Each structure stands twice: as structure tokens, then as C-alpha cells.
C-alpha atoms as a PDB file:
ATOM      1  CA  MET A   1     -26.077  10.842 -13.228  1.00  0.00           C
ATOM      2  CA  GLU A   2     -25.921   7.182 -13.664  1.00  0.00           C
ATOM      3  CA  ASN A   3     -25.013   4.671 -11.011  1.00  0.00           C
ATOM      4  CA  LYS A   4     -21.962   2.633 -12.053  1.00  0.00           C
ATOM      5  CA  LYS A   5     -21.118  -0.280 -10.258  1.00  0.00           C
ATOM      6  CA  ILE A   6     -17.607  -0.456  -8.723  1.00  0.00           C
ATOM      7  CA  ASP A   7     -15.619  -3.692  -8.843  1.00  0.00           C
ATOM      8  CA  ALA A   8     -13.420  -3.212  -5.629  1.00  0.00           C
ATOM      9  CA  VAL A   9     -11.661  -6.298  -6.169  1.00  0.00           C
ATOM     10  CA  LYS A  10     -10.626  -5.798  -9.622  1.00  0.00           C
ATOM     11  CA  MET A  11      -9.587  -2.071  -8.702  1.00  0.00           C
ATOM     12  CA  MET A  12      -7.463  -3.524  -5.724  1.00  0.00           C
ATOM     13  CA  ARG A  13      -5.604  -6.190  -8.144  1.00  0.00           C
ATOM     14  CA  LYS A  14      -4.956  -3.341 -10.727  1.00  0.00           C
ATOM     15  CA  ILE A  15      -3.391  -1.246  -7.987  1.00  0.00           C
ATOM     16  CA  ARG A  16      -1.518  -4.130  -6.635  1.00  0.00           C
ATOM     17  CA  GLU A  17      -0.173  -4.816  -9.815  1.00  0.00           C
ATOM     18  CA  LYS A  18       0.769  -1.396 -10.770  1.00  0.00           C
ATOM     19  CA  LEU A  19       2.621  -1.150  -7.298  1.00  0.00           C
ATOM     20  CA  SER A  20       4.310  -4.645  -7.810  1.00  0.00           C
ATOM     21  CA  ARG A  21       5.782  -3.580 -11.345  1.00  0.00           C
ATOM     22  CA  ILE A  22       7.041  -0.077  -9.715  1.00  0.00           C
ATOM     23  CA  TYR A  23       8.414  -1.841  -6.723  1.00  0.00           C
ATOM     24  CA  ALA A  24      10.069  -4.659  -8.784  1.00  0.00           C
ATOM     25  CA  LYS A  25      11.989  -2.401 -10.520  1.00  0.00           C
ATOM     26  CA  ASP A  26      13.085  -0.252  -7.693  1.00  0.00           C
ATOM     27  CA  PRO A  27      12.775  -2.097  -4.163  1.00  0.00           C
ATOM     28  CA  GLU A  28      14.391   1.004  -2.281  1.00  0.00           C
ATOM     29  CA  LYS A  29      11.293   2.912  -3.274  1.00  0.00           C
ATOM     30  CA  GLU A  30       8.889   0.834  -1.574  1.00  0.00           C
ATOM     31  CA  LYS A  31      10.820   1.052   1.803  1.00  0.00           C
ATOM     32  CA  ARG A  32      10.989   5.083   1.152  1.00  0.00           C
ATOM     33  CA  ASP A  33       7.261   5.036   0.600  1.00  0.00           C
ATOM     34  CA  LEU A  34       6.327   3.010   3.571  1.00  0.00           C
ATOM     35  CA  GLU A  35       8.687   5.578   5.743  1.00  0.00           C
ATOM     36  CA  ILE A  36       6.760   8.512   4.344  1.00  0.00           C
ATOM     37  CA  VAL A  37       3.279   6.857   5.332  1.00  0.00           C
ATOM     38  CA  ARG A  38       4.883   5.807   8.800  1.00  0.00           C
ATOM     39  CA  LYS A  39       5.578   9.556   9.310  1.00  0.00           C
ATOM     40  CA  LYS A  40       2.260  10.697   7.861  1.00  0.00           C
ATOM     41  CA  TYR A  41       0.059   8.600  10.063  1.00  0.00           C
ATOM     42  CA  GLY A  42       2.577   8.797  13.294  1.00  0.00           C
ATOM     43  CA  MET A  43       3.179   4.915  13.185  1.00  0.00           C
ATOM     44  CA  LYS A  44       6.361   3.425  14.660  1.00  0.00           C
ATOM     45  CA  ASP A  45       8.075   0.201  13.591  1.00  0.00           C
ATOM     46  CA  LYS A  46       7.370  -1.279  16.974  1.00  0.00           C
ATOM     47  CA  MET A  47       3.466  -0.494  16.390  1.00  0.00           C
ATOM     48  CA  ILE A  48       3.536  -2.257  12.787  1.00  0.00           C
ATOM     49  CA  SER A  49       5.349  -5.515  14.309  1.00  0.00           C
ATOM     50  CA  GLU A  50       2.904  -5.717  17.041  1.00  0.00           C
ATOM     51  CA  HIS A  51      -0.055  -5.406  14.488  1.00  0.00           C
ATOM     52  CA  PHE A  52       1.083  -8.000  12.477  1.00  0.00           C
ATOM     53  CA  ARG A  53       1.673 -10.564  15.288  1.00  0.00           C
ATOM     54  CA  LYS A  54      -2.127 -10.822  15.820  1.00  0.00           C
END
């Protein structure tokens, strides 16, 4: 098996661009997806706002 170098920055740009296109078409999908993540990881809105105030 060959060792391939991974360009993490390039990969994240592609992911961000893909999500940006999806959410530009359907802004409510972003809210729904975030709600799913919050439930999955047991996060509450208060926890999120406290995290971003730091």
C-alpha cells in the first residue's frame, strides 16, 4: 500500500464549498442539520452560545 499525502486544507475547502452550495439553495436545511447534530451530541443552544463567546 502506498503512502499518499493528504492535503487537509484542500479537503476542508472542498467540504466547505459543497456545504455552502447546498445551504445556499435551502437555508432551512442548515438549521435542520444543526439540530440533528445538537441532538446527536447532546448539545443545547446555551452550550453553543457559551462556546462561541470565548
